[in-house]
Amino acid sequence: FGNYGPKDKPENTAPLPELSETEEEPDTLTIKWYMIVIPALSGIAVIAFFYTLFRINALIRFKKLDYDKQFVIICRQIFAILKLLGMAIEDGETIQEYKRRLSKEYPEFEFVFLDDLEKYLYDTKKELKKGVTENALDNRGKLLNKLKEKTLIRYLRYTLFHASFGN
């Protein structure tokens, strides 16, 4: 039936190379700078885009409102600015008392919006004209500049979180 045993083959007697223990690969992970910067900048760009869309949408909605509602929104913003300036209205203080206190602290401002607010709140004929809203916007702008001069952090806080529209 034949011979199935091993045939005579020449044996390879060459020694195997030895691995050196000192030449091991270090277990460190290298991260390229762009692997961090590009996602971070992309995230900031997306946030800025949606924030801008929100502000534009709020401005469009604001412009569609009647003068009464615009005036109320602007007054709320002014009160938020005054609170950040440390001049919030006190409990039990009337509008005229508040106006006198504000005029002592900031004599360069007229605070006409408070007279208009008082008329709006207590007059039976509550229809406001465009000029009233524009005066309130003017007061808001001046107070924002004052807030920016006094403390930039509070100004940024207001513009990022309190203002519902830009002007």
C-alpha atoms as a PDB file:
ATOM      1  CA  PHE A   1       0.000   0.000   0.000  1.00  0.00           C
ATOM      2  CA  GLY A   2       2.799   2.408   0.069  1.00  0.00           C
ATOM      3  CA  ASN A   3       4.859   4.259   2.558  1.00  0.00           C
ATOM      4  CA  TYR A   4       3.060   7.041   4.356  1.00  0.00           C
ATOM      5  CA  GLY A   5       5.790   7.933   6.754  1.00  0.00           C
ATOM      6  CA  PRO A   6       7.725  11.203   6.797  1.00  0.00           C
ATOM      7  CA  LYS A   7      10.028  11.768   3.950  1.00  0.00           C
ATOM      8  CA  ASP A   8      13.457  13.003   4.527  1.00  0.00           C
ATOM      9  CA  LYS A   9      13.411  16.814   4.384  1.00  0.00           C
ATOM     10  CA  PRO A  10      16.252  19.079   5.201  1.00  0.00           C
ATOM     11  CA  GLU A  11      15.571  20.787   8.522  1.00  0.00           C
ATOM     12  CA  ASN A  12      15.735  24.571   8.793  1.00  0.00           C
ATOM     13  CA  THR A  13      18.054  25.225  11.648  1.00  0.00           C
ATOM     14  CA  ALA A  14      18.115  29.011  11.401  1.00  0.00           C
ATOM     15  CA  PRO A  15      17.461  30.610  14.788  1.00  0.00           C
ATOM     16  CA  LEU A  16      14.280  32.708  15.236  1.00  0.00           C
ATOM     17  CA  PRO A  17      14.748  36.423  15.844  1.00  0.00           C
ATOM     18  CA  GLU A  18      14.307  37.443  19.443  1.00  0.00           C
ATOM     19  CA  LEU A  19      11.985  40.281  20.487  1.00  0.00           C
ATOM     20  CA  SER A  20      13.578  43.022  22.476  1.00  0.00           C
ATOM     21  CA  GLU A  21      11.671  44.034  25.598  1.00  0.00           C
ATOM     22  CA  THR A  22      12.874  47.632  25.490  1.00  0.00           C
ATOM     23  CA  GLU A  23      11.443  48.508  22.066  1.00  0.00           C
ATOM     24  CA  GLU A  24       7.726  48.300  22.904  1.00  0.00           C
ATOM     25  CA  GLU A  25       5.254  50.788  21.448  1.00  0.00           C
ATOM     26  CA  PRO A  26       4.043  53.379  23.993  1.00  0.00           C
ATOM     27  CA  ASP A  27       0.309  53.314  24.804  1.00  0.00           C
ATOM     28  CA  THR A  28      -0.330  57.002  24.008  1.00  0.00           C
ATOM     29  CA  LEU A  29      -3.089  58.403  21.850  1.00  0.00           C
ATOM     30  CA  THR A  30      -2.165  61.337  19.677  1.00  0.00           C
ATOM     31  CA  ILE A  31      -4.911  63.801  18.780  1.00  0.00           C
ATOM     32  CA  LYS A  32      -4.375  66.336  16.059  1.00  0.00           C
ATOM     33  CA  TRP A  33      -5.325  69.942  16.850  1.00  0.00           C
ATOM     34  CA  TYR A  34      -7.923  70.081  14.092  1.00  0.00           C
ATOM     35  CA  MET A  35      -9.781  67.126  15.620  1.00  0.00           C
ATOM     36  CA  ILE A  36     -10.758  69.432  18.488  1.00  0.00           C
ATOM     37  CA  VAL A  37     -10.900  72.841  16.823  1.00  0.00           C
ATOM     38  CA  ILE A  38     -13.143  71.954  13.871  1.00  0.00           C
ATOM     39  CA  PRO A  39     -15.955  70.349  15.939  1.00  0.00           C
ATOM     40  CA  ALA A  40     -15.776  73.163  18.502  1.00  0.00           C
ATOM     41  CA  LEU A  41     -16.015  75.857  15.831  1.00  0.00           C
ATOM     42  CA  SER A  42     -18.808  73.945  14.093  1.00  0.00           C
ATOM     43  CA  GLY A  43     -20.752  73.773  17.345  1.00  0.00           C
ATOM     44  CA  ILE A  44     -20.318  77.497  17.961  1.00  0.00           C
ATOM     45  CA  ALA A  45     -21.408  78.246  14.390  1.00  0.00           C
ATOM     46  CA  VAL A  46     -24.571  76.145  14.776  1.00  0.00           C
ATOM     47  CA  ILE A  47     -25.449  77.827  18.076  1.00  0.00           C
ATOM     48  CA  ALA A  48     -24.841  81.283  16.572  1.00  0.00           C
ATOM     49  CA  PHE A  49     -26.975  80.421  13.556  1.00  0.00           C
ATOM     50  CA  PHE A  50     -29.960  79.307  15.622  1.00  0.00           C
ATOM     51  CA  TYR A  51     -29.564  82.227  18.030  1.00  0.00           C
ATOM     52  CA  THR A  52     -29.619  84.640  15.095  1.00  0.00           C
ATOM     53  CA  LEU A  53     -32.696  82.934  13.649  1.00  0.00           C
ATOM     54  CA  PHE A  54     -34.434  83.272  17.008  1.00  0.00           C
ATOM     55  CA  ARG A  55     -33.593  86.966  17.225  1.00  0.00           C
ATOM     56  CA  ILE A  56     -34.766  87.667  13.669  1.00  0.00           C
ATOM     57  CA  ASN A  57     -38.000  85.764  14.273  1.00  0.00           C
ATOM     58  CA  ALA A  58     -38.614  87.705  17.498  1.00  0.00           C
ATOM     59  CA  LEU A  59     -37.974  91.017  15.717  1.00  0.00           C
ATOM     60  CA  ILE A  60     -40.417  90.153  12.916  1.00  0.00           C
ATOM     61  CA  ARG A  61     -43.084  89.158  15.447  1.00  0.00           C
ATOM     62  CA  PHE A  62     -42.425  92.348  17.433  1.00  0.00           C
ATOM     63  CA  LYS A  63     -42.853  94.560  14.375  1.00  0.00           C
ATOM     64  CA  LYS A  64     -46.253  92.960  13.672  1.00  0.00           C
ATOM     65  CA  LEU A  65     -47.610  93.862  17.128  1.00  0.00           C
ATOM     66  CA  ASP A  66     -49.663  96.982  17.742  1.00  0.00           C
ATOM     67  CA  TYR A  67     -48.083  99.913  19.580  1.00  0.00           C
ATOM     68  CA  ASP A  68     -49.663  99.011  22.920  1.00  0.00           C
ATOM     69  CA  LYS A  69     -48.088  95.563  23.019  1.00  0.00           C
ATOM     70  CA  GLN A  70     -44.772  96.878  21.708  1.00  0.00           C
ATOM     71  CA  PHE A  71     -44.753  99.487  24.473  1.00  0.00           C
ATOM     72  CA  VAL A  72     -45.417  96.884  27.181  1.00  0.00           C
ATOM     73  CA  ILE A  73     -42.576  94.675  25.892  1.00  0.00           C
ATOM     74  CA  ILE A  74     -40.165  97.596  25.771  1.00  0.00           C
ATOM     75  CA  CYS A  75     -41.145  98.671  29.300  1.00  0.00           C
ATOM     76  CA  ARG A  76     -40.449  95.145  30.573  1.00  0.00           C
ATOM     77  CA  GLN A  77     -37.049  95.268  28.924  1.00  0.00           C
ATOM     78  CA  ILE A  78     -36.317  98.659  30.470  1.00  0.00           C
ATOM     79  CA  PHE A  79     -37.266  97.362  33.914  1.00  0.00           C
ATOM     80  CA  ALA A  80     -34.923  94.389  33.388  1.00  0.00           C
ATOM     81  CA  ILE A  81     -32.098  96.773  32.439  1.00  0.00           C
ATOM     82  CA  LEU A  82     -32.796  98.971  35.457  1.00  0.00           C
ATOM     83  CA  LYS A  83     -32.738  95.888  37.684  1.00  0.00           C
ATOM     84  CA  LEU A  84     -29.327  94.945  36.268  1.00  0.00           C
ATOM     85  CA  LEU A  85     -28.196  98.496  36.997  1.00  0.00           C
ATOM     86  CA  GLY A  86     -29.265  98.000  40.617  1.00  0.00           C
ATOM     87  CA  MET A  87     -32.293 100.279  40.352  1.00  0.00           C
ATOM     88  CA  ALA A  88     -35.249  97.896  40.507  1.00  0.00           C
ATOM     89  CA  ILE A  89     -38.621  99.261  41.519  1.00  0.00           C
ATOM     90  CA  GLU A  90     -39.235  98.732  45.226  1.00  0.00           C
ATOM     91  CA  ASP A  91     -42.334  97.237  46.802  1.00  0.00           C
ATOM     92  CA  GLY A  92     -45.019  99.862  47.347  1.00  0.00           C
ATOM     93  CA  GLU A  93     -43.205 102.470  45.250  1.00  0.00           C
ATOM     94  CA  THR A  94     -45.376 104.450  42.845  1.00  0.00           C
ATOM     95  CA  ILE A  95     -44.309 105.183  39.302  1.00  0.00           C
ATOM     96  CA  GLN A  96     -43.685 108.853  40.107  1.00  0.00           C
ATOM     97  CA  GLU A  97     -41.635 107.983  43.214  1.00  0.00           C
ATOM     98  CA  TYR A  98     -39.641 105.561  41.128  1.00  0.00           C
ATOM     99  CA  LYS A  99     -39.099 108.224  38.471  1.00  0.00           C
ATOM    100  CA  ARG A 100     -37.823 110.692  41.094  1.00  0.00           C
ATOM    101  CA  ARG A 101     -35.426 108.089  42.515  1.00  0.00           C
ATOM    102  CA  LEU A 102     -34.153 107.219  39.037  1.00  0.00           C
ATOM    103  CA  SER A 103     -33.734 110.899  38.141  1.00  0.00           C
ATOM    104  CA  LYS A 104     -31.546 111.423  41.230  1.00  0.00           C
ATOM    105  CA  GLU A 105     -29.337 108.465  40.286  1.00  0.00           C
ATOM    106  CA  TYR A 106     -29.252 109.198  36.544  1.00  0.00           C
ATOM    107  CA  PRO A 107     -29.982 112.910  36.011  1.00  0.00           C
ATOM    108  CA  GLU A 108     -28.934 112.688  32.339  1.00  0.00           C
ATOM    109  CA  PHE A 109     -32.047 110.613  31.526  1.00  0.00           C
ATOM    110  CA  GLU A 110     -35.579 111.960  31.347  1.00  0.00           C
ATOM    111  CA  PHE A 111     -37.404 108.635  31.882  1.00  0.00           C
ATOM    112  CA  VAL A 112     -40.304 109.778  29.724  1.00  0.00           C
ATOM    113  CA  PHE A 113     -41.417 106.192  29.302  1.00  0.00           C
ATOM    114  CA  LEU A 114     -42.572 106.169  32.954  1.00  0.00           C
ATOM    115  CA  ASP A 115     -45.020 109.011  32.285  1.00  0.00           C
ATOM    116  CA  ASP A 116     -46.276 107.151  29.224  1.00  0.00           C
ATOM    117  CA  LEU A 117     -46.538 103.940  31.239  1.00  0.00           C
ATOM    118  CA  GLU A 118     -48.562 105.700  33.915  1.00  0.00           C
ATOM    119  CA  LYS A 119     -50.942 107.071  31.284  1.00  0.00           C
ATOM    120  CA  TYR A 120     -51.202 103.635  29.720  1.00  0.00           C
ATOM    121  CA  LEU A 121     -51.956 101.928  33.028  1.00  0.00           C
ATOM    122  CA  TYR A 122     -54.388 104.456  34.522  1.00  0.00           C
ATOM    123  CA  ASP A 123     -55.988 106.191  31.550  1.00  0.00           C
ATOM    124  CA  THR A 124     -59.268 104.706  30.368  1.00  0.00           C
ATOM    125  CA  LYS A 125     -58.312 105.405  26.773  1.00  0.00           C
ATOM    126  CA  LYS A 126     -55.301 103.103  26.432  1.00  0.00           C
ATOM    127  CA  GLU A 127     -54.487 103.596  22.767  1.00  0.00           C
ATOM    128  CA  LEU A 128     -50.868 104.583  22.298  1.00  0.00           C
ATOM    129  CA  LYS A 129     -49.273 106.307  19.370  1.00  0.00           C
ATOM    130  CA  LYS A 130     -46.104 105.391  17.507  1.00  0.00           C
ATOM    131  CA  GLY A 131     -44.088 108.189  19.145  1.00  0.00           C
ATOM    132  CA  VAL A 132     -44.578 106.687  22.596  1.00  0.00           C
ATOM    133  CA  THR A 133     -43.019 103.417  21.486  1.00  0.00           C
ATOM    134  CA  GLU A 134     -40.148 105.261  19.820  1.00  0.00           C
ATOM    135  CA  ASN A 135     -39.503 107.277  23.008  1.00  0.00           C
ATOM    136  CA  ALA A 136     -39.420 104.058  25.027  1.00  0.00           C
ATOM    137  CA  LEU A 137     -36.996 102.517  22.504  1.00  0.00           C
ATOM    138  CA  ASP A 138     -34.795 105.595  22.827  1.00  0.00           C
ATOM    139  CA  ASN A 139     -34.808 105.286  26.634  1.00  0.00           C
ATOM    140  CA  ARG A 140     -34.004 101.577  26.343  1.00  0.00           C
ATOM    141  CA  GLY A 141     -31.055 102.272  24.043  1.00  0.00           C
ATOM    142  CA  LYS A 142     -29.604 104.905  26.363  1.00  0.00           C
ATOM    143  CA  LEU A 143     -29.996 102.650  29.388  1.00  0.00           C
ATOM    144  CA  LEU A 144     -28.331  99.786  27.510  1.00  0.00           C
ATOM    145  CA  ASN A 145     -25.366 102.047  26.781  1.00  0.00           C
ATOM    146  CA  LYS A 146     -25.238 102.946  30.477  1.00  0.00           C
ATOM    147  CA  LEU A 147     -25.329  99.250  31.393  1.00  0.00           C
ATOM    148  CA  LYS A 148     -22.504  98.551  28.932  1.00  0.00           C
ATOM    149  CA  GLU A 149     -20.410 101.337  30.473  1.00  0.00           C
ATOM    150  CA  LYS A 150     -21.087 100.177  34.014  1.00  0.00           C
ATOM    151  CA  THR A 151     -20.553  96.440  33.606  1.00  0.00           C
ATOM    152  CA  LEU A 152     -19.955  94.532  30.405  1.00  0.00           C
ATOM    153  CA  ILE A 153     -20.859  91.170  31.960  1.00  0.00           C
ATOM    154  CA  ARG A 154     -24.374  92.305  32.883  1.00  0.00           C
ATOM    155  CA  TYR A 155     -24.782  93.894  29.463  1.00  0.00           C
ATOM    156  CA  LEU A 156     -23.900  90.595  27.782  1.00  0.00           C
ATOM    157  CA  ARG A 157     -26.218  88.759  30.158  1.00  0.00           C
ATOM    158  CA  TYR A 158     -29.063  91.062  29.154  1.00  0.00           C
ATOM    159  CA  THR A 159     -28.426  90.859  25.424  1.00  0.00           C
ATOM    160  CA  LEU A 160     -28.086  87.075  25.477  1.00  0.00           C
ATOM    161  CA  PHE A 161     -30.892  86.105  27.829  1.00  0.00           C
ATOM    162  CA  HIS A 162     -33.328  88.974  28.357  1.00  0.00           C
ATOM    163  CA  ALA A 163     -33.712  90.847  25.104  1.00  0.00           C
ATOM    164  CA  SER A 164     -36.329  89.335  22.848  1.00  0.00           C
ATOM    165  CA  PHE A 165     -35.331  91.429  19.857  1.00  0.00           C
ATOM    166  CA  GLY A 166     -32.390  93.560  18.810  1.00  0.00           C
ATOM    167  CA  ASN A 167     -32.420  97.253  18.082  1.00  0.00           C
END
